[in-house]
C-alpha cells in the first residue's frame, strides 16, 4: 500500500468518526431531554396519585359523616379555595396563587381553612 492510499483511508476514517461524534452528541441531547421529561412526568404522576388518594379519603369520610356537620364558611367560594389548596396552590394572603412545594402544608393556608 502506498502512502497516499493510507492517508486517504485515515482521512475518511477521521470524517466518519466526526460524523459519528456529531450523531452521538445529538442522541445524548435527546436522551437528556427525555430523562428530564420522564422525571417531570414521574413527579406529576405522584402528585396526581396523592390527590386521588386524598380525594378518595375525603369522599369516604364524607360518606361516613352525619348530616349535622357545622362549617365555619358556607358557600361555593370556600369550596373553591379548599379545592385550590388540595390541587397544590396557596390560598393564604401571603403566597396566594403560588404553587406549594412538594405537598408541604402551609400553616397560613391551613389556619384560613380551619377558621371558626
PDB file of N, CA and C in Angstrom:
ATOM      1  N   UNK A   1       0.844  -1.176   0.000  1.00  0.00           N
ATOM      2  CA  UNK A   1       0.000   0.000   0.000  1.00  0.00           C
ATOM      3  C   UNK A   1       0.893   1.246   0.000  1.00  0.00           C
ATOM      4  N   UNK A   2       0.512   2.173  -0.787  1.00  0.00           N
ATOM      5  CA  UNK A   2       1.326   3.382  -0.829  1.00  0.00           C
ATOM      6  C   UNK A   2       0.860   4.390   0.217  1.00  0.00           C
ATOM      7  N   UNK A   3       1.650   5.385   0.440  1.00  0.00           N
ATOM      8  CA  UNK A   3       1.393   6.367   1.482  1.00  0.00           C
ATOM      9  C   UNK A   3       0.143   7.183   1.208  1.00  0.00           C
ATOM     10  N   UNK A   4      -0.129   7.450  -0.053  1.00  0.00           N
ATOM     11  CA  UNK A   4      -1.302   8.257  -0.401  1.00  0.00           C
ATOM     12  C   UNK A   4      -2.597   7.509  -0.075  1.00  0.00           C
ATOM     13  N   UNK A   5      -2.643   6.228  -0.323  1.00  0.00           N
ATOM     14  CA  UNK A   5      -3.826   5.421  -0.035  1.00  0.00           C
ATOM     15  C   UNK A   5      -4.063   5.343   1.472  1.00  0.00           C
ATOM     16  N   UNK A   6      -2.991   5.185   2.224  1.00  0.00           N
ATOM     17  CA  UNK A   6      -3.103   5.132   3.680  1.00  0.00           C
ATOM     18  C   UNK A   6      -3.617   6.468   4.208  1.00  0.00           C
ATOM     19  N   UNK A   7      -3.081   7.559   3.696  1.00  0.00           N
ATOM     20  CA  UNK A   7      -3.523   8.885   4.117  1.00  0.00           C
ATOM     21  C   UNK A   7      -5.003   9.103   3.787  1.00  0.00           C
ATOM     22  N   UNK A   8      -5.436   8.631   2.616  1.00  0.00           N
ATOM     23  CA  UNK A   8      -6.841   8.755   2.213  1.00  0.00           C
ATOM     24  C   UNK A   8      -7.738   7.958   3.153  1.00  0.00           C
ATOM     25  N   UNK A   9      -7.326   6.753   3.496  1.00  0.00           N
ATOM     26  CA  UNK A   9      -8.110   5.930   4.416  1.00  0.00           C
ATOM     27  C   UNK A   9      -8.211   6.583   5.782  1.00  0.00           C
ATOM     28  N   UNK A  10      -7.110   7.125   6.281  1.00  0.00           N
ATOM     29  CA  UNK A  10      -7.108   7.783   7.589  1.00  0.00           C
ATOM     30  C   UNK A  10      -8.014   9.012   7.551  1.00  0.00           C
ATOM     31  N   UNK A  11      -7.969   9.772   6.457  1.00  0.00           N
ATOM     32  CA  UNK A  11      -8.828  10.956   6.327  1.00  0.00           C
ATOM     33  C   UNK A  11     -10.301  10.558   6.317  1.00  0.00           C
ATOM     34  N   UNK A  12     -10.638   9.496   5.574  1.00  0.00           N
ATOM     35  CA  UNK A  12     -12.027   9.030   5.523  1.00  0.00           C
ATOM     36  C   UNK A  12     -12.483   8.533   6.898  1.00  0.00           C
ATOM     37  N   UNK A  13     -11.618   7.826   7.574  1.00  0.00           N
ATOM     38  CA  UNK A  13     -11.945   7.333   8.917  1.00  0.00           C
ATOM     39  C   UNK A  13     -12.162   8.508   9.868  1.00  0.00           C
ATOM     40  N   UNK A  14     -11.341   9.539   9.764  1.00  0.00           N
ATOM     41  CA  UNK A  14     -11.493  10.723  10.596  1.00  0.00           C
ATOM     42  C   UNK A  14     -12.828  11.410  10.331  1.00  0.00           C
ATOM     43  N   UNK A  15     -13.242  11.500   9.086  1.00  0.00           N
ATOM     44  CA  UNK A  15     -14.535  12.108   8.728  1.00  0.00           C
ATOM     45  C   UNK A  15     -15.691  11.290   9.305  1.00  0.00           C
ATOM     46  N   UNK A  16     -15.603   9.965   9.172  1.00  0.00           N
ATOM     47  CA  UNK A  16     -16.663   9.115   9.720  1.00  0.00           C
ATOM     48  C   UNK A  16     -16.735   9.237  11.239  1.00  0.00           C
ATOM     49  N   UNK A  17     -15.577   9.309  11.892  1.00  0.00           N
ATOM     50  CA  UNK A  17     -15.558   9.487  13.351  1.00  0.00           C
ATOM     51  C   UNK A  17     -16.182  10.821  13.744  1.00  0.00           C
ATOM     52  N   UNK A  18     -15.915  11.861  12.992  1.00  0.00           N
ATOM     53  CA  UNK A  18     -16.510  13.169  13.256  1.00  0.00           C
ATOM     54  C   UNK A  18     -18.022  13.126  13.118  1.00  0.00           C
ATOM     55  N   UNK A  19     -18.496  12.454  12.068  1.00  0.00           N
ATOM     56  CA  UNK A  19     -19.941  12.325  11.872  1.00  0.00           C
ATOM     57  C   UNK A  19     -20.575  11.516  13.001  1.00  0.00           C
ATOM     58  N   UNK A  20     -19.923  10.421  13.375  1.00  0.00           N
ATOM     59  CA  UNK A  20     -20.441   9.608  14.482  1.00  0.00           C
ATOM     60  C   UNK A  20     -20.444  10.392  15.780  1.00  0.00           C
ATOM     61  N   UNK A  21     -19.415  11.205  15.998  1.00  0.00           N
ATOM     62  CA  UNK A  21     -19.356  12.028  17.206  1.00  0.00           C
ATOM     63  C   UNK A  21     -20.504  13.037  17.212  1.00  0.00           C
ATOM     64  N   UNK A  22     -20.759  13.637  16.069  1.00  0.00           N
ATOM     65  CA  UNK A  22     -21.864  14.606  15.960  1.00  0.00           C
ATOM     66  C   UNK A  22     -23.208  13.918  16.209  1.00  0.00           C
ATOM     67  N   UNK A  23     -23.379  12.733  15.635  1.00  0.00           N
ATOM     68  CA  UNK A  23     -24.621  11.978  15.830  1.00  0.00           C
ATOM     69  C   UNK A  23     -24.775  11.556  17.293  1.00  0.00           C
ATOM     70  N   UNK A  24     -23.674  11.143  17.908  1.00  0.00           N
ATOM     71  CA  UNK A  24     -23.716  10.744  19.317  1.00  0.00           C
ATOM     72  C   UNK A  24     -24.073  11.925  20.210  1.00  0.00           C
ATOM     73  N   UNK A  25     -23.572  13.116  19.904  1.00  0.00           N
ATOM     74  CA  UNK A  25     -23.905  14.309  20.671  1.00  0.00           C
ATOM     75  C   UNK A  25     -25.403  14.609  20.565  1.00  0.00           C
ATOM     76  N   UNK A  26     -25.977  14.478  19.366  1.00  0.00           N
ATOM     77  CA  UNK A  26     -27.408  14.695  19.194  1.00  0.00           C
ATOM     78  C   UNK A  26     -28.231  13.702  19.998  1.00  0.00           C
ATOM     79  N   UNK A  27     -27.816  12.438  19.970  1.00  0.00           N
ATOM     80  CA  UNK A  27     -28.518  11.420  20.749  1.00  0.00           C
ATOM     81  C   UNK A  27     -28.416  11.698  22.247  1.00  0.00           C
ATOM     82  N   UNK A  28     -27.260  12.175  22.676  1.00  0.00           N
ATOM     83  CA  UNK A  28     -27.068  12.495  24.088  1.00  0.00           C
ATOM     84  C   UNK A  28     -27.999  13.634  24.510  1.00  0.00           C
ATOM     85  N   UNK A  29     -28.160  14.650  23.669  1.00  0.00           N
ATOM     86  CA  UNK A  29     -29.069  15.751  23.968  1.00  0.00           C
ATOM     87  C   UNK A  29     -30.515  15.265  24.032  1.00  0.00           C
ATOM     88  N   UNK A  30     -30.903  14.402  23.095  1.00  0.00           N
ATOM     89  CA  UNK A  30     -32.259  13.845  23.111  1.00  0.00           C
ATOM     90  C   UNK A  30     -32.485  13.018  24.367  1.00  0.00           C
ATOM     91  N   UNK A  31     -31.497  12.237  24.764  1.00  0.00           N
ATOM     92  CA  UNK A  31     -31.617  11.417  25.962  1.00  0.00           C
ATOM     93  C   UNK A  31     -31.759  12.287  27.206  1.00  0.00           C
ATOM     94  N   UNK A  32     -30.985  13.366  27.282  1.00  0.00           N
ATOM     95  CA  UNK A  32     -31.094  14.273  28.431  1.00  0.00           C
ATOM     96  C   UNK A  32     -32.489  14.884  28.490  1.00  0.00           C
ATOM     97  N   UNK A  33     -33.036  15.270  27.338  1.00  0.00           N
ATOM     98  CA  UNK A  33     -34.381  15.832  27.299  1.00  0.00           C
ATOM     99  C   UNK A  33     -35.410  14.798  27.753  1.00  0.00           C
ATOM    100  N   UNK A  34     -35.279  13.556  27.282  1.00  0.00           N
ATOM    101  CA  UNK A  34     -36.225  12.511  27.668  1.00  0.00           C
ATOM    102  C   UNK A  34     -36.131  12.179  29.150  1.00  0.00           C
ATOM    103  N   UNK A  35     -34.928  12.177  29.688  1.00  0.00           N
ATOM    104  CA  UNK A  35     -34.763  11.908  31.126  1.00  0.00           C
ATOM    105  C   UNK A  35     -35.425  13.012  31.932  1.00  0.00           C
ATOM    106  N   UNK A  36     -35.225  14.261  31.529  1.00  0.00           N
ATOM    107  CA  UNK A  36     -35.841  15.386  32.239  1.00  0.00           C
ATOM    108  C   UNK A  36     -37.366  15.316  32.147  1.00  0.00           C
ATOM    109  N   UNK A  37     -37.875  15.017  30.959  1.00  0.00           N
ATOM    110  CA  UNK A  37     -39.322  14.912  30.792  1.00  0.00           C
ATOM    111  C   UNK A  37     -39.880  13.752  31.613  1.00  0.00           C
ATOM    112  N   UNK A  38     -39.169  12.635  31.640  1.00  0.00           N
ATOM    113  CA  UNK A  38     -39.599  11.483  32.420  1.00  0.00           C
ATOM    114  C   UNK A  38     -39.644  11.824  33.904  1.00  0.00           C
ATOM    115  N   UNK A  39     -38.646  12.556  34.382  1.00  0.00           N
ATOM    116  CA  UNK A  39     -38.612  12.963  35.792  1.00  0.00           C
ATOM    117  C   UNK A  39     -39.807  13.860  36.108  1.00  0.00           C
ATOM    118  N   UNK A  40     -40.081  14.830  35.234  1.00  0.00           N
ATOM    119  CA  UNK A  40     -41.214  15.734  35.430  1.00  0.00           C
ATOM    120  C   UNK A  40     -42.525  14.951  35.451  1.00  0.00           C
ATOM    121  N   UNK A  41     -42.688  14.023  34.507  1.00  0.00           N
ATOM    122  CA  UNK A  41     -43.922  13.237  34.455  1.00  0.00           C
ATOM    123  C   UNK A  41     -44.047  12.323  35.669  1.00  0.00           C
ATOM    124  N   UNK A  42     -42.918  11.808  36.156  1.00  0.00           N
ATOM    125  CA  UNK A  42     -42.948  10.963  37.347  1.00  0.00           C
ATOM    126  C   UNK A  42     -43.438  11.758  38.559  1.00  0.00           C
ATOM    127  N   UNK A  43     -42.919  12.980  38.719  1.00  0.00           N
ATOM    128  CA  UNK A  43     -43.352  13.835  39.831  1.00  0.00           C
ATOM    129  C   UNK A  43     -44.828  14.190  39.685  1.00  0.00           C
ATOM    130  N   UNK A  44     -45.237  14.535  38.469  1.00  0.00           N
ATOM    131  CA  UNK A  44     -46.639  14.875  38.241  1.00  0.00           C
ATOM    132  C   UNK A  44     -47.542  13.675  38.526  1.00  0.00           C
ATOM    133  N   UNK A  45     -47.103  12.490  38.136  1.00  0.00           N
ATOM    134  CA  UNK A  45     -47.871  11.275  38.384  1.00  0.00           C
ATOM    135  C   UNK A  45     -48.015  11.025  39.883  1.00  0.00           C
ATOM    136  N   UNK A  46     -46.929  11.218  40.643  1.00  0.00           N
ATOM    137  CA  UNK A  46     -47.008  11.052  42.093  1.00  0.00           C
ATOM    138  C   UNK A  46     -47.993  12.038  42.711  1.00  0.00           C
ATOM    139  N   UNK A  47     -47.917  13.291  42.262  1.00  0.00           N
ATOM    140  CA  UNK A  47     -48.845  14.306  42.786  1.00  0.00           C
ATOM    141  C   UNK A  47     -50.291  13.952  42.467  1.00  0.00           C
ATOM    142  N   UNK A  48     -50.534  13.467  41.269  1.00  0.00           N
ATOM    143  CA  UNK A  48     -51.900  13.091  40.895  1.00  0.00           C
ATOM    144  C   UNK A  48     -52.386  11.900  41.708  1.00  0.00           C
ATOM    145  N   UNK A  49     -51.504  10.935  41.958  1.00  0.00           N
ATOM    146  CA  UNK A  49     -51.895   9.785  42.784  1.00  0.00           C
ATOM    147  C   UNK A  49     -52.235  10.232  44.208  1.00  0.00           C
ATOM    148  N   UNK A  50     -51.410  11.139  44.758  1.00  0.00           N
ATOM    149  CA  UNK A  50     -51.682  11.644  46.103  1.00  0.00           C
ATOM    150  C   UNK A  50     -53.012  12.389  46.142  1.00  0.00           C
ATOM    151  N   UNK A  51     -53.276  13.196  45.126  1.00  0.00           N
ATOM    152  CA  UNK A  51     -54.548  13.924  45.073  1.00  0.00           C
ATOM    153  C   UNK A  51     -55.716  12.952  44.961  1.00  0.00           C
ATOM    154  N   UNK A  52     -55.556  11.913  44.156  1.00  0.00           N
ATOM    155  CA  UNK A  52     -56.624  10.930  44.003  1.00  0.00           C
ATOM    156  C   UNK A  52     -56.874  10.202  45.315  1.00  0.00           C
ATOM    157  N   UNK A  53     -55.795   9.801  46.007  1.00  0.00           N
ATOM    158  CA  UNK A  53     -55.958   9.128  47.293  1.00  0.00           C
ATOM    159  C   UNK A  53     -56.611  10.054  48.310  1.00  0.00           C
ATOM    160  N   UNK A  54     -56.189  11.314  48.331  1.00  0.00           N
ATOM    161  CA  UNK A  54     -56.783  12.274  49.264  1.00  0.00           C
ATOM    162  C   UNK A  54     -58.255  12.490  48.946  1.00  0.00           C
ATOM    163  N   UNK A  55     -58.565  12.566  47.672  1.00  0.00           N
ATOM    164  CA  UNK A  55     -59.958  12.751  47.255  1.00  0.00           C
ATOM    165  C   UNK A  55     -60.805  11.542  47.667  1.00  0.00           C
ATOM    166  N   UNK A  56     -60.243  10.350  47.502  1.00  0.00           N
ATOM    167  CA  UNK A  56     -60.963   9.143  47.904  1.00  0.00           C
ATOM    168  C   UNK A  56     -61.172   9.109  49.415  1.00  0.00           C
ATOM    169  N   UNK A  57     -60.151   9.527  50.173  1.00  0.00           N
ATOM    170  CA  UNK A  57     -60.288   9.567  51.632  1.00  0.00           C
ATOM    171  C   UNK A  57     -61.353  10.576  52.044  1.00  0.00           C
ATOM    172  N   UNK A  58     -61.339  11.733  51.411  1.00  0.00           N
ATOM    173  CA  UNK A  58     -62.344  12.757  51.719  1.00  0.00           C
ATOM    174  C   UNK A  58     -63.733  12.232  51.409  1.00  0.00           C
ATOM    175  N   UNK A  59     -63.859  11.536  50.295  1.00  0.00           N
ATOM    176  CA  UNK A  59     -65.161  11.012  49.913  1.00  0.00           C
ATOM    177  C   UNK A  59     -65.623   9.933  50.892  1.00  0.00           C
ATOM    178  N   UNK A  60     -64.692   9.076  51.329  1.00  0.00           N
ATOM    179  CA  UNK A  60     -65.048   8.044  52.295  1.00  0.00           C
ATOM    180  C   UNK A  60     -65.470   8.661  53.628  1.00  0.00           C
ATOM    181  N   UNK A  61     -64.720   9.653  54.074  1.00  0.00           N
ATOM    182  CA  UNK A  61     -65.053  10.324  55.330  1.00  0.00           C
ATOM    183  C   UNK A  61     -66.387  11.042  55.186  1.00  0.00           C
ATOM    184  N   UNK A  62     -66.598  11.676  54.036  1.00  0.00           N
ATOM    185  CA  UNK A  62     -67.854  12.387  53.797  1.00  0.00           C
ATOM    186  C   UNK A  62     -69.039  11.450  53.779  1.00  0.00           C
ATOM    187  N   UNK A  63     -68.857  10.240  53.268  1.00  0.00           N
ATOM    188  CA  UNK A  63     -69.935   9.271  53.237  1.00  0.00           C
ATOM    189  C   UNK A  63     -70.284   8.770  54.643  1.00  0.00           C
ATOM    190  N   UNK A  64     -69.281   8.705  55.521  1.00  0.00           N
ATOM    191  CA  UNK A  64     -69.499   8.177  56.862  1.00  0.00           C
ATOM    192  C   UNK A  64     -70.025   9.220  57.837  1.00  0.00           C
ATOM    193  N   UNK A  65     -69.829  10.492  57.545  1.00  0.00           N
ATOM    194  CA  UNK A  65     -70.263  11.549  58.465  1.00  0.00           C
ATOM    195  C   UNK A  65     -71.774  11.707  58.427  1.00  0.00           C
ATOM    196  N   UNK A  66     -72.291  12.237  59.508  1.00  0.00           N
ATOM    197  CA  UNK A  66     -73.718  12.522  59.561  1.00  0.00           C
ATOM    198  C   UNK A  66     -74.005  13.858  58.898  1.00  0.00           C
ATOM    199  N   UNK A  67     -75.266  14.156  58.722  1.00  0.00           N
ATOM    200  CA  UNK A  67     -75.668  15.372  58.041  1.00  0.00           C
ATOM    201  C   UNK A  67     -75.409  16.606  58.888  1.00  0.00           C
ATOM    202  N   UNK A  68     -75.365  16.472  60.206  1.00  0.00           N
ATOM    203  CA  UNK A  68     -75.217  17.623  61.100  1.00  0.00           C
ATOM    204  C   UNK A  68     -73.763  18.056  61.270  1.00  0.00           C
ATOM    205  N   UNK A  69     -73.089  18.387  60.185  1.00  0.00           N
ATOM    206  CA  UNK A  69     -71.708  18.861  60.233  1.00  0.00           C
ATOM    207  C   UNK A  69     -71.734  20.372  60.106  1.00  0.00           C
ATOM    208  N   UNK A  70     -71.081  21.059  61.064  1.00  0.00           N
ATOM    209  CA  UNK A  70     -71.033  22.519  61.026  1.00  0.00           C
ATOM    210  C   UNK A  70     -69.824  22.954  60.232  1.00  0.00           C
ATOM    211  N   UNK A  71     -70.005  23.955  59.372  1.00  0.00           N
ATOM    212  CA  UNK A  71     -68.899  24.557  58.644  1.00  0.00           C
ATOM    213  C   UNK A  71     -68.836  26.009  59.038  1.00  0.00           C
ATOM    214  N   UNK A  72     -67.611  26.497  59.215  1.00  0.00           N
ATOM    215  CA  UNK A  72     -67.477  27.893  59.581  1.00  0.00           C
ATOM    216  C   UNK A  72     -67.737  28.801  58.389  1.00  0.00           C
ATOM    217  N   UNK A  73     -67.390  28.362  57.216  1.00  0.00           N
ATOM    218  CA  UNK A  73     -67.670  29.115  56.000  1.00  0.00           C
ATOM    219  C   UNK A  73     -68.580  28.267  55.134  1.00  0.00           C
ATOM    220  N   UNK A  74     -69.697  28.812  54.727  1.00  0.00           N
ATOM    221  CA  UNK A  74     -70.616  28.078  53.888  1.00  0.00           C
ATOM    222  C   UNK A  74     -70.633  28.766  52.539  1.00  0.00           C
ATOM    223  N   UNK A  75     -70.522  27.990  51.487  1.00  0.00           N
ATOM    224  CA  UNK A  75     -70.661  28.577  50.182  1.00  0.00           C
ATOM    225  C   UNK A  75     -69.682  28.030  49.171  1.00  0.00           C
ATOM    226  N   UNK A  76     -69.926  28.442  47.975  1.00  0.00           N
ATOM    227  CA  UNK A  76     -69.135  27.965  46.853  1.00  0.00           C
ATOM    228  C   UNK A  76     -67.708  28.511  46.896  1.00  0.00           C
ATOM    229  N   UNK A  77     -67.519  29.731  47.372  1.00  0.00           N
ATOM    230  CA  UNK A  77     -66.194  30.338  47.433  1.00  0.00           C
ATOM    231  C   UNK A  77     -65.256  29.564  48.329  1.00  0.00           C
ATOM    232  N   UNK A  78     -65.736  29.172  49.489  1.00  0.00           N
ATOM    233  CA  UNK A  78     -64.914  28.391  50.412  1.00  0.00           C
ATOM    234  C   UNK A  78     -64.545  27.048  49.791  1.00  0.00           C
ATOM    235  N   UNK A  79     -65.511  26.408  49.129  1.00  0.00           N
ATOM    236  CA  UNK A  79     -65.248  25.128  48.476  1.00  0.00           C
ATOM    237  C   UNK A  79     -64.192  25.273  47.379  1.00  0.00           C
ATOM    238  N   UNK A  80     -64.262  26.365  46.636  1.00  0.00           N
ATOM    239  CA  UNK A  80     -63.276  26.599  45.577  1.00  0.00           C
ATOM    240  C   UNK A  80     -61.880  26.798  46.158  1.00  0.00           C
ATOM    241  N   UNK A  81     -61.775  27.538  47.256  1.00  0.00           N
ATOM    242  CA  UNK A  81     -60.466  27.736  47.890  1.00  0.00           C
ATOM    243  C   UNK A  81     -59.917  26.416  48.433  1.00  0.00           C
ATOM    244  N   UNK A  82     -60.790  25.613  49.036  1.00  0.00           N
ATOM    245  CA  UNK A  82     -60.350  24.315  49.547  1.00  0.00           C
ATOM    246  C   UNK A  82     -59.875  23.426  48.394  1.00  0.00           C
ATOM    247  N   UNK A  83     -60.572  23.478  47.275  1.00  0.00           N
ATOM    248  CA  UNK A  83     -60.176  22.686  46.099  1.00  0.00           C
ATOM    249  C   UNK A  83     -58.825  23.165  45.570  1.00  0.00           C
ATOM    250  N   UNK A  84     -58.630  24.482  45.509  1.00  0.00           N
ATOM    251  CA  UNK A  84     -57.347  25.029  45.047  1.00  0.00           C
ATOM    252  C   UNK A  84     -56.202  24.578  45.954  1.00  0.00           C
ATOM    253  N   UNK A  85     -56.451  24.577  47.263  1.00  0.00           N
ATOM    254  CA  UNK A  85     -55.425  24.147  48.201  1.00  0.00           C
ATOM    255  C   UNK A  85     -55.095  22.664  47.988  1.00  0.00           C
ATOM    256  N   UNK A  86     -56.121  21.848  47.759  1.00  0.00           N
ATOM    257  CA  UNK A  86     -55.910  20.418  47.521  1.00  0.00           C
ATOM    258  C   UNK A  86     -55.136  20.183  46.220  1.00  0.00           C
ATOM    259  N   UNK A  87     -55.286  21.090  45.249  1.00  0.00           N
ATOM    260  CA  UNK A  87     -54.578  20.953  43.980  1.00  0.00           C
ATOM    261  C   UNK A  87     -53.132  21.418  44.070  1.00  0.00           C
ATOM    262  N   UNK A  88     -52.737  21.976  45.229  1.00  0.00           N
ATOM    263  CA  UNK A  88     -51.339  22.328  45.425  1.00  0.00           C
ATOM    264  C   UNK A  88     -51.026  23.802  45.342  1.00  0.00           C
ATOM    265  N   UNK A  89     -52.037  24.661  45.448  1.00  0.00           N
ATOM    266  CA  UNK A  89     -51.816  26.099  45.383  1.00  0.00           C
ATOM    267  C   UNK A  89     -52.018  26.729  46.760  1.00  0.00           C
ATOM    268  N   UNK A  90     -51.300  27.821  46.998  1.00  0.00           N
ATOM    269  CA  UNK A  90     -51.501  28.589  48.229  1.00  0.00           C
ATOM    270  C   UNK A  90     -52.811  29.384  48.132  1.00  0.00           C
ATOM    271  N   UNK A  91     -53.527  29.465  49.257  1.00  0.00           N
ATOM    272  CA  UNK A  91     -54.744  30.282  49.309  1.00  0.00           C
ATOM    273  C   UNK A  91     -54.620  31.366  50.371  1.00  0.00           C
ATOM    274  N   UNK A  92     -53.476  31.435  51.032  1.00  0.00           N
ATOM    275  CA  UNK A  92     -53.270  32.453  52.055  1.00  0.00           C
ATOM    276  C   UNK A  92     -52.923  33.786  51.390  1.00  0.00           C
ATOM    277  N   UNK A  93     -53.105  34.863  52.136  1.00  0.00           N
ATOM    278  CA  UNK A  93     -52.834  36.176  51.571  1.00  0.00           C
ATOM    279  C   UNK A  93     -51.340  36.410  51.343  1.00  0.00           C
ATOM    280  N   UNK A  94     -50.484  35.632  51.985  1.00  0.00           N
ATOM    281  CA  UNK A  94     -49.045  35.809  51.842  1.00  0.00           C
ATOM    282  C   UNK A  94     -48.524  35.302  50.496  1.00  0.00           C
ATOM    283  N   UNK A  95     -48.996  34.122  50.077  1.00  0.00           N
ATOM    284  CA  UNK A  95     -48.473  33.485  48.857  1.00  0.00           C
ATOM    285  C   UNK A  95     -49.590  33.094  47.897  1.00  0.00           C
ATOM    286  N   UNK A  96     -50.695  33.791  47.898  1.00  0.00           N
ATOM    287  CA  UNK A  96     -51.873  33.386  47.144  1.00  0.00           C
ATOM    288  C   UNK A  96     -51.541  33.085  45.679  1.00  0.00           C
ATOM    289  N   UNK A  97     -51.965  31.915  45.230  1.00  0.00           N
ATOM    290  CA  UNK A  97     -51.834  31.538  43.833  1.00  0.00           C
ATOM    291  C   UNK A  97     -50.530  30.859  43.469  1.00  0.00           C
ATOM    292  N   UNK A  98     -49.527  30.927  44.333  1.00  0.00           N
ATOM    293  CA  UNK A  98     -48.266  30.273  44.005  1.00  0.00           C
ATOM    294  C   UNK A  98     -48.364  28.789  44.361  1.00  0.00           C
ATOM    295  N   UNK A  99     -47.528  27.995  43.730  1.00  0.00           N
ATOM    296  CA  UNK A  99     -47.570  26.542  43.909  1.00  0.00           C
ATOM    297  C   UNK A  99     -46.846  26.166  45.199  1.00  0.00           C
ATOM    298  N   UNK A 100     -47.490  25.293  45.985  1.00  0.00           N
ATOM    299  CA  UNK A 100     -46.845  24.787  47.197  1.00  0.00           C
ATOM    300  C   UNK A 100     -45.788  23.773  46.779  1.00  0.00           C
ATOM    301  N   UNK A 101     -44.644  23.769  47.446  1.00  0.00           N
ATOM    302  CA  UNK A 101     -43.545  22.894  47.056  1.00  0.00           C
ATOM    303  C   UNK A 101     -43.728  21.496  47.629  1.00  0.00           C
ATOM    304  N   UNK A 102     -43.718  20.509  46.743  1.00  0.00           N
ATOM    305  CA  UNK A 102     -43.747  19.085  47.096  1.00  0.00           C
ATOM    306  C   UNK A 102     -44.779  18.717  48.152  1.00  0.00           C
ATOM    307  N   UNK A 103     -45.955  19.304  48.109  1.00  0.00           N
ATOM    308  CA  UNK A 103     -47.027  18.932  49.009  1.00  0.00           C
ATOM    309  C   UNK A 103     -46.851  19.414  50.435  1.00  0.00           C
ATOM    310  N   UNK A 104     -45.905  20.327  50.677  1.00  0.00           N
ATOM    311  CA  UNK A 104     -45.741  20.872  52.023  1.00  0.00           C
ATOM    312  C   UNK A 104     -46.992  21.654  52.409  1.00  0.00           C
ATOM    313  N   UNK A 105     -47.413  21.482  53.658  1.00  0.00           N
ATOM    314  CA  UNK A 105     -48.577  22.219  54.132  1.00  0.00           C
ATOM    315  C   UNK A 105     -48.153  23.608  54.577  1.00  0.00           C
ATOM    316  N   UNK A 106     -48.975  24.592  54.262  1.00  0.00           N
ATOM    317  CA  UNK A 106     -48.718  25.980  54.644  1.00  0.00           C
ATOM    318  C   UNK A 106     -49.584  26.287  55.865  1.00  0.00           C
ATOM    319  N   UNK A 107     -48.959  26.725  56.926  1.00  0.00           N
ATOM    320  CA  UNK A 107     -49.699  26.998  58.157  1.00  0.00           C
ATOM    321  C   UNK A 107     -50.703  28.131  57.970  1.00  0.00           C
ATOM    322  N   UNK A 108     -50.357  29.128  57.153  1.00  0.00           N
ATOM    323  CA  UNK A 108     -51.281  30.230  56.899  1.00  0.00           C
ATOM    324  C   UNK A 108     -52.526  29.728  56.167  1.00  0.00           C
ATOM    325  N   UNK A 109     -52.306  28.893  55.147  1.00  0.00           N
ATOM    326  CA  UNK A 109     -53.439  28.343  54.395  1.00  0.00           C
ATOM    327  C   UNK A 109     -54.316  27.471  55.293  1.00  0.00           C
ATOM    328  N   UNK A 110     -53.665  26.617  56.087  1.00  0.00           N
ATOM    329  CA  UNK A 110     -54.424  25.729  56.970  1.00  0.00           C
ATOM    330  C   UNK A 110     -55.209  26.496  58.015  1.00  0.00           C
ATOM    331  N   UNK A 111     -54.608  27.563  58.550  1.00  0.00           N
ATOM    332  CA  UNK A 111     -55.343  28.346  59.548  1.00  0.00           C
ATOM    333  C   UNK A 111     -56.545  29.037  58.900  1.00  0.00           C
ATOM    334  N   UNK A 112     -56.410  29.436  57.647  1.00  0.00           N
ATOM    335  CA  UNK A 112     -57.534  30.032  56.936  1.00  0.00           C
ATOM    336  C   UNK A 112     -58.646  29.007  56.708  1.00  0.00           C
ATOM    337  N   UNK A 113     -58.275  27.790  56.333  1.00  0.00           N
ATOM    338  CA  UNK A 113     -59.262  26.753  56.062  1.00  0.00           C
ATOM    339  C   UNK A 113     -59.993  26.322  57.335  1.00  0.00           C
ATOM    340  N   UNK A 114     -59.319  26.385  58.477  1.00  0.00           N
ATOM    341  CA  UNK A 114     -59.915  25.881  59.720  1.00  0.00           C
ATOM    342  C   UNK A 114     -60.376  26.986  60.663  1.00  0.00           C
ATOM    343  N   UNK A 115     -60.618  28.174  60.137  1.00  0.00           N
ATOM    344  CA  UNK A 115     -61.117  29.264  60.972  1.00  0.00           C
ATOM    345  C   UNK A 115     -62.516  28.926  61.463  1.00  0.00           C
ATOM    346  N   UNK A 116     -62.814  29.350  62.678  1.00  0.00           N
ATOM    347  CA  UNK A 116     -64.159  29.092  63.220  1.00  0.00           C
ATOM    348  C   UNK A 116     -64.841  30.370  63.541  1.00  0.00           C
TER     349      UNK A 116
END
